[in-house]
C-alpha atoms as a PDB file:
ATOM      1  CA  UNK A   1      24.789 -47.267  22.776  1.00  0.00           C
ATOM      2  CA  UNK A   2      26.459 -46.193  19.573  1.00  0.00           C
ATOM      3  CA  UNK A   3      24.393 -46.386  16.406  1.00  0.00           C
ATOM      4  CA  UNK A   4      24.637 -45.556  12.736  1.00  0.00           C
ATOM      5  CA  UNK A   5      22.081 -44.937  10.041  1.00  0.00           C
ATOM      6  CA  UNK A   6      22.612 -44.922   6.295  1.00  0.00           C
ATOM      7  CA  UNK A   7      20.167 -42.642   4.481  1.00  0.00           C
ATOM      8  CA  UNK A   8      19.930 -43.196   0.753  1.00  0.00           C
ATOM      9  CA  UNK A   9      18.407 -40.991  -1.895  1.00  0.00           C
ATOM     10  CA  UNK A  10      15.989 -43.729  -2.949  1.00  0.00           C
ATOM     11  CA  UNK A  11      15.877 -46.076   0.042  1.00  0.00           C
ATOM     12  CA  UNK A  12      16.751 -46.304   3.737  1.00  0.00           C
ATOM     13  CA  UNK A  13      18.607 -49.094   5.487  1.00  0.00           C
ATOM     14  CA  UNK A  14      19.239 -49.173   9.218  1.00  0.00           C
ATOM     15  CA  UNK A  15      22.161 -50.769  11.021  1.00  0.00           C
ATOM     16  CA  UNK A  16      22.890 -50.807  14.746  1.00  0.00           C
ATOM     17  CA  UNK A  17      26.265 -51.725  16.145  1.00  0.00           C
ATOM     18  CA  UNK A  18      28.311 -51.654  19.343  1.00  0.00           C
ATOM     19  CA  UNK A  19      25.254 -52.244  21.515  1.00  0.00           C
ATOM     20  CA  UNK A  20      26.067 -51.207  25.092  1.00  0.00           C
ATOM     21  CA  UNK A  21      24.710 -52.829  28.228  1.00  0.00           C
ATOM     22  CA  UNK A  22      21.524 -51.205  29.443  1.00  0.00           C
ATOM     23  CA  UNK A  23      21.496 -49.871  32.970  1.00  0.00           C
ATOM     24  CA  UNK A  24      18.986 -51.212  35.440  1.00  0.00           C
ATOM     25  CA  UNK A  25      16.534 -48.795  37.055  1.00  0.00           C
ATOM     26  CA  UNK A  26      17.328 -46.163  34.428  1.00  0.00           C
ATOM     27  CA  UNK A  27      15.268 -42.987  34.439  1.00  0.00           C
ATOM     28  CA  UNK A  28      12.242 -43.176  32.150  1.00  0.00           C
ATOM     29  CA  UNK A  29      12.427 -40.672  29.290  1.00  0.00           C
ATOM     30  CA  UNK A  30       9.093 -39.913  27.620  1.00  0.00           C
ATOM     31  CA  UNK A  31       9.067 -40.324  23.820  1.00  0.00           C
ATOM     32  CA  UNK A  32       9.584 -37.171  21.782  1.00  0.00           C
ATOM     33  CA  UNK A  33       7.487 -36.026  18.863  1.00  0.00           C
ATOM     34  CA  UNK A  34       9.381 -37.249  15.789  1.00  0.00           C
ATOM     35  CA  UNK A  35       9.159 -34.041  13.721  1.00  0.00           C
ATOM     36  CA  UNK A  36      10.475 -36.149  10.815  1.00  0.00           C
ATOM     37  CA  UNK A  37      13.738 -36.892  12.648  1.00  0.00           C
ATOM     38  CA  UNK A  38      15.392 -40.263  12.949  1.00  0.00           C
ATOM     39  CA  UNK A  39      14.516 -41.625  16.405  1.00  0.00           C
ATOM     40  CA  UNK A  40      16.795 -43.439  18.814  1.00  0.00           C
ATOM     41  CA  UNK A  41      15.701 -46.772  20.314  1.00  0.00           C
ATOM     42  CA  UNK A  42      14.369 -44.738  23.260  1.00  0.00           C
ATOM     43  CA  UNK A  43      12.262 -42.663  20.834  1.00  0.00           C
ATOM     44  CA  UNK A  44      14.323 -39.497  21.184  1.00  0.00           C
ATOM     45  CA  UNK A  45      15.121 -37.323  18.171  1.00  0.00           C
ATOM     46  CA  UNK A  46      18.650 -38.018  16.948  1.00  0.00           C
ATOM     47  CA  UNK A  47      20.501 -34.728  16.438  1.00  0.00           C
ATOM     48  CA  UNK A  48      23.707 -32.791  17.024  1.00  0.00           C
ATOM     49  CA  UNK A  49      22.076 -31.155  20.054  1.00  0.00           C
ATOM     50  CA  UNK A  50      24.551 -28.479  21.254  1.00  0.00           C
ATOM     51  CA  UNK A  51      27.473 -29.552  19.043  1.00  0.00           C
ATOM     52  CA  UNK A  52      26.721 -27.168  16.187  1.00  0.00           C
ATOM     53  CA  UNK A  53      27.960 -26.156  13.739  1.00  0.00           C
ATOM     54  CA  UNK A  54      28.534 -29.458  11.974  1.00  0.00           C
ATOM     55  CA  UNK A  55      32.162 -29.273  10.859  1.00  0.00           C
ATOM     56  CA  UNK A  56      32.614 -30.689   7.359  1.00  0.00           C
ATOM     57  CA  UNK A  57      35.643 -31.663   5.316  1.00  0.00           C
ATOM     58  CA  UNK A  58      35.424 -31.833   1.513  1.00  0.00           C
ATOM     59  CA  UNK A  59      37.444 -34.773   0.203  1.00  0.00           C
ATOM     60  CA  UNK A  60      39.776 -34.264  -2.755  1.00  0.00           C
ATOM     61  CA  UNK A  61      37.574 -36.624  -4.777  1.00  0.00           C
ATOM     62  CA  UNK A  62      34.984 -33.806  -4.996  1.00  0.00           C
ATOM     63  CA  UNK A  63      35.477 -31.731  -8.175  1.00  0.00           C
ATOM     64  CA  UNK A  64      36.127 -28.050  -7.558  1.00  0.00           C
ATOM     65  CA  UNK A  65      33.145 -27.090  -9.734  1.00  0.00           C
ATOM     66  CA  UNK A  66      30.933 -28.688  -7.058  1.00  0.00           C
ATOM     67  CA  UNK A  67      32.167 -26.384  -4.285  1.00  0.00           C
ATOM     68  CA  UNK A  68      29.754 -23.537  -5.046  1.00  0.00           C
ATOM     69  CA  UNK A  69      26.741 -25.870  -4.940  1.00  0.00           C
ATOM     70  CA  UNK A  70      27.859 -27.258  -1.570  1.00  0.00           C
ATOM     71  CA  UNK A  71      28.323 -23.715  -0.247  1.00  0.00           C
ATOM     72  CA  UNK A  72      24.898 -22.686  -1.546  1.00  0.00           C
ATOM     73  CA  UNK A  73      23.242 -25.644   0.189  1.00  0.00           C
ATOM     74  CA  UNK A  74      25.001 -24.855   3.458  1.00  0.00           C
ATOM     75  CA  UNK A  75      23.919 -21.217   3.189  1.00  0.00           C
ATOM     76  CA  UNK A  76      20.305 -22.343   2.851  1.00  0.00           C
ATOM     77  CA  UNK A  77      20.410 -23.881   6.333  1.00  0.00           C
ATOM     78  CA  UNK A  78      22.532 -21.192   7.965  1.00  0.00           C
ATOM     79  CA  UNK A  79      20.352 -18.371   6.670  1.00  0.00           C
ATOM     80  CA  UNK A  80      16.957 -20.050   7.099  1.00  0.00           C
ATOM     81  CA  UNK A  81      17.660 -20.996  10.725  1.00  0.00           C
ATOM     82  CA  UNK A  82      19.514 -17.800  11.567  1.00  0.00           C
ATOM     83  CA  UNK A  83      22.556 -19.586  12.986  1.00  0.00           C
ATOM     84  CA  UNK A  84      25.595 -21.469  11.758  1.00  0.00           C
ATOM     85  CA  UNK A  85      24.437 -25.041  11.207  1.00  0.00           C
ATOM     86  CA  UNK A  86      27.351 -26.141   8.996  1.00  0.00           C
ATOM     87  CA  UNK A  87      30.925 -24.977   8.552  1.00  0.00           C
ATOM     88  CA  UNK A  88      33.457 -26.128   5.947  1.00  0.00           C
ATOM     89  CA  UNK A  89      36.743 -26.777   7.762  1.00  0.00           C
ATOM     90  CA  UNK A  90      38.853 -27.694   4.723  1.00  0.00           C
ATOM     91  CA  UNK A  91      38.484 -28.532   1.040  1.00  0.00           C
ATOM     92  CA  UNK A  92      40.525 -30.954  -1.023  1.00  0.00           C
ATOM     93  CA  UNK A  93      41.483 -33.074   1.969  1.00  0.00           C
ATOM     94  CA  UNK A  94      43.444 -36.234   1.272  1.00  0.00           C
ATOM     95  CA  UNK A  95      42.757 -39.708   2.581  1.00  0.00           C
ATOM     96  CA  UNK A  96      41.242 -42.967   1.378  1.00  0.00           C
ATOM     97  CA  UNK A  97      37.916 -42.970  -0.432  1.00  0.00           C
ATOM     98  CA  UNK A  98      36.437 -45.114   2.308  1.00  0.00           C
ATOM     99  CA  UNK A  99      33.906 -43.381   4.554  1.00  0.00           C
ATOM    100  CA  UNK A 100      34.080 -44.764   8.080  1.00  0.00           C
ATOM    101  CA  UNK A 101      33.517 -43.841  11.692  1.00  0.00           C
ATOM    102  CA  UNK A 102      36.830 -42.005  12.039  1.00  0.00           C
ATOM    103  CA  UNK A 103      35.940 -38.812  13.902  1.00  0.00           C
ATOM    104  CA  UNK A 104      35.676 -36.601  10.789  1.00  0.00           C
ATOM    105  CA  UNK A 105      32.547 -35.625   8.861  1.00  0.00           C
ATOM    106  CA  UNK A 106      33.402 -35.748   5.170  1.00  0.00           C
ATOM    107  CA  UNK A 107      31.756 -35.163   1.785  1.00  0.00           C
ATOM    108  CA  UNK A 108      32.986 -37.678  -0.815  1.00  0.00           C
ATOM    109  CA  UNK A 109      32.521 -38.004  -4.576  1.00  0.00           C
ATOM    110  CA  UNK A 110      32.461 -41.490  -6.117  1.00  0.00           C
ATOM    111  CA  UNK A 111      33.029 -41.772  -9.866  1.00  0.00           C
ATOM    112  CA  UNK A 112      32.244 -45.488  -9.581  1.00  0.00           C
ATOM    113  CA  UNK A 113      29.008 -46.552  -7.893  1.00  0.00           C
ATOM    114  CA  UNK A 114      27.328 -49.831  -7.085  1.00  0.00           C
ATOM    115  CA  UNK A 115      25.850 -50.940 -10.464  1.00  0.00           C
ATOM    116  CA  UNK A 116      22.861 -52.416  -8.653  1.00  0.00           C
ATOM    117  CA  UNK A 117      22.107 -48.937  -7.225  1.00  0.00           C
ATOM    118  CA  UNK A 118      23.000 -46.940 -10.337  1.00  0.00           C
ATOM    119  CA  UNK A 119      20.098 -44.466  -9.945  1.00  0.00           C
ATOM    120  CA  UNK A 120      20.963 -43.706  -6.316  1.00  0.00           C
ATOM    121  CA  UNK A 121      22.126 -40.093  -6.228  1.00  0.00           C
ATOM    122  CA  UNK A 122      23.790 -39.976  -2.825  1.00  0.00           C
ATOM    123  CA  UNK A 123      24.084 -41.724   0.514  1.00  0.00           C
ATOM    124  CA  UNK A 124      24.456 -40.108   3.935  1.00  0.00           C
ATOM    125  CA  UNK A 125      25.519 -41.949   7.079  1.00  0.00           C
ATOM    126  CA  UNK A 126      25.029 -40.539  10.552  1.00  0.00           C
ATOM    127  CA  UNK A 127      26.664 -41.935  13.682  1.00  0.00           C
ATOM    128  CA  UNK A 128      25.243 -41.266  17.132  1.00  0.00           C
ATOM    129  CA  UNK A 129      25.522 -42.196  20.786  1.00  0.00           C
ATOM    130  CA  UNK A 130      22.377 -42.054  22.894  1.00  0.00           C
ATOM    131  CA  UNK A 131      20.542 -39.486  20.791  1.00  0.00           C
ATOM    132  CA  UNK A 132      23.511 -37.247  19.921  1.00  0.00           C
ATOM    133  CA  UNK A 133      25.056 -37.363  16.446  1.00  0.00           C
ATOM    134  CA  UNK A 134      28.835 -37.138  16.542  1.00  0.00           C
ATOM    135  CA  UNK A 135      29.750 -37.730  12.879  1.00  0.00           C
ATOM    136  CA  UNK A 136      28.280 -37.802   9.394  1.00  0.00           C
ATOM    137  CA  UNK A 137      29.601 -38.828   5.979  1.00  0.00           C
ATOM    138  CA  UNK A 138      28.017 -37.888   2.653  1.00  0.00           C
ATOM    139  CA  UNK A 139      28.758 -39.863  -0.525  1.00  0.00           C
ATOM    140  CA  UNK A 140      27.729 -38.416  -3.884  1.00  0.00           C
ATOM    141  CA  UNK A 141      27.261 -40.653  -6.913  1.00  0.00           C
ATOM    142  CA  UNK A 142      29.635 -38.916  -9.317  1.00  0.00           C
ATOM    143  CA  UNK A 143      28.680 -41.183 -12.231  1.00  0.00           C
ATOM    144  CA  UNK A 144      25.504 -39.135 -12.811  1.00  0.00           C
ATOM    145  CA  UNK A 145      25.176 -35.888 -14.767  1.00  0.00           C
ATOM    146  CA  UNK A 146      24.975 -32.838 -12.507  1.00  0.00           C
ATOM    147  CA  UNK A 147      24.046 -29.192 -12.783  1.00  0.00           C
ATOM    148  CA  UNK A 148      26.465 -27.204 -10.604  1.00  0.00           C
ATOM    149  CA  UNK A 149      25.422 -23.559 -10.537  1.00  0.00           C
ATOM    150  CA  UNK A 150      22.523 -21.247  -9.611  1.00  0.00           C
ATOM    151  CA  UNK A 151      20.930 -21.075 -13.058  1.00  0.00           C
ATOM    152  CA  UNK A 152      17.632 -22.885 -13.585  1.00  0.00           C
ATOM    153  CA  UNK A 153      18.382 -24.379 -17.007  1.00  0.00           C
ATOM    154  CA  UNK A 154      19.103 -27.909 -15.777  1.00  0.00           C
ATOM    155  CA  UNK A 155      17.481 -30.054 -18.464  1.00  0.00           C
ATOM    156  CA  UNK A 156      18.560 -33.688 -18.238  1.00  0.00           C
ATOM    157  CA  UNK A 157      20.735 -33.245 -15.138  1.00  0.00           C
ATOM    158  CA  UNK A 158      20.485 -33.664 -11.367  1.00  0.00           C
ATOM    159  CA  UNK A 159      20.598 -30.298  -9.588  1.00  0.00           C
ATOM    160  CA  UNK A 160      23.511 -30.584  -7.159  1.00  0.00           C
ATOM    161  CA  UNK A 161      22.286 -27.729  -4.963  1.00  0.00           C
ATOM    162  CA  UNK A 162      18.943 -29.489  -4.455  1.00  0.00           C
ATOM    163  CA  UNK A 163      20.666 -32.804  -3.797  1.00  0.00           C
ATOM    164  CA  UNK A 164      23.043 -31.281  -1.236  1.00  0.00           C
ATOM    165  CA  UNK A 165      20.210 -29.498   0.595  1.00  0.00           C
ATOM    166  CA  UNK A 166      18.554 -32.920   0.897  1.00  0.00           C
ATOM    167  CA  UNK A 167      21.694 -34.699   2.101  1.00  0.00           C
ATOM    168  CA  UNK A 168      22.525 -31.967   4.613  1.00  0.00           C
ATOM    169  CA  UNK A 169      19.041 -32.467   6.049  1.00  0.00           C
ATOM    170  CA  UNK A 170      19.936 -36.116   6.629  1.00  0.00           C
ATOM    171  CA  UNK A 171      23.223 -35.002   8.191  1.00  0.00           C
ATOM    172  CA  UNK A 172      21.209 -33.000  10.755  1.00  0.00           C
ATOM    173  CA  UNK A 173      19.093 -36.055  11.574  1.00  0.00           C
ATOM    174  CA  UNK A 174      16.082 -35.625   9.287  1.00  0.00           C
ATOM    175  CA  UNK A 175      14.496 -38.685   7.683  1.00  0.00           C
ATOM    176  CA  UNK A 176      12.721 -38.946   4.343  1.00  0.00           C
ATOM    177  CA  UNK A 177       9.220 -37.621   3.832  1.00  0.00           C
ATOM    178  CA  UNK A 178       6.715 -38.032   1.029  1.00  0.00           C
ATOM    179  CA  UNK A 179       5.743 -34.342   1.125  1.00  0.00           C
ATOM    180  CA  UNK A 180       6.321 -33.286  -2.487  1.00  0.00           C
ATOM    181  CA  UNK A 181       7.557 -29.760  -1.750  1.00  0.00           C
ATOM    182  CA  UNK A 182       9.809 -30.795   1.125  1.00  0.00           C
ATOM    183  CA  UNK A 183      13.563 -30.916   0.510  1.00  0.00           C
ATOM    184  CA  UNK A 184      13.426 -34.269   2.341  1.00  0.00           C
ATOM    185  CA  UNK A 185      11.148 -35.877  -0.235  1.00  0.00           C
ATOM    186  CA  UNK A 186      12.560 -39.341  -0.914  1.00  0.00           C
ATOM    187  CA  UNK A 187      12.989 -38.753  -4.654  1.00  0.00           C
ATOM    188  CA  UNK A 188      14.661 -35.908  -6.543  1.00  0.00           C
ATOM    189  CA  UNK A 189      13.837 -36.184 -10.229  1.00  0.00           C
ATOM    190  CA  UNK A 190      16.267 -35.309 -12.984  1.00  0.00           C
ATOM    191  CA  UNK A 191      15.763 -31.643 -13.995  1.00  0.00           C
ATOM    192  CA  UNK A 192      13.934 -30.869 -10.720  1.00  0.00           C
ATOM    193  CA  UNK A 193      14.758 -27.852  -8.550  1.00  0.00           C
ATOM    194  CA  UNK A 194      14.129 -28.144  -4.804  1.00  0.00           C
ATOM    195  CA  UNK A 195      16.669 -25.829  -3.192  1.00  0.00           C
ATOM    196  CA  UNK A 196      14.646 -24.084  -0.481  1.00  0.00           C
ATOM    197  CA  UNK A 197      13.507 -25.338   2.918  1.00  0.00           C
ATOM    198  CA  UNK A 198       9.725 -25.080   2.979  1.00  0.00           C
ATOM    199  CA  UNK A 199       7.480 -24.335   5.951  1.00  0.00           C
ATOM    200  CA  UNK A 200       7.244 -27.968   7.089  1.00  0.00           C
ATOM    201  CA  UNK A 201      11.011 -28.444   6.804  1.00  0.00           C
ATOM    202  CA  UNK A 202      11.631 -25.411   8.996  1.00  0.00           C
ATOM    203  CA  UNK A 203       8.992 -26.441  11.531  1.00  0.00           C
ATOM    204  CA  UNK A 204      10.590 -29.886  11.812  1.00  0.00           C
ATOM    205  CA  UNK A 205      14.097 -28.491  12.223  1.00  0.00           C
ATOM    206  CA  UNK A 206      12.935 -26.045  14.878  1.00  0.00           C
ATOM    207  CA  UNK A 207      11.525 -28.924  16.919  1.00  0.00           C
ATOM    208  CA  UNK A 208      15.140 -29.788  17.674  1.00  0.00           C
ATOM    209  CA  UNK A 209      17.313 -26.834  16.686  1.00  0.00           C
END
């Protein structure tokens, strides 16, 4: 079974497609502890399993001033987990601004966003088969005002480092949480800094990785 999940900054919607035929007399797999991961229909944590690092392309819609924030967010995962979780393959890649299941994991920047979701900061889609993710796409709402660098003077702007740490968590299979200090909290307020994986984030990630 192939599945996809769209994870939004302010809401989650789930869509399943390409449902395969189930096999009779299949081996029973006991449910896994969720550890704040998305779960497959068989209650297994959805993840990249042994296919790390996640290889990312940065679309040419992404402004160059955003590159450092993306790199900083990636470094947070690579350093905190002591292994390469993400790797940028290429920046400024061409192609249509239409995320799809095409075999490439891409970060996109949209200057125009759905007016009915104008406060949505980003949207991450993961695609998986069984319980193994094989692709992810991250869309950033470029119509908002962003803070791009390491400084903490971010009054009136969305901190892009914090946002990317959140979206990369989704890309690894993490769901939203209501834990205020967690990078996976479902809401990132304007002017808020949340750039560092906390203890619960790391414990959840280590359940799977």
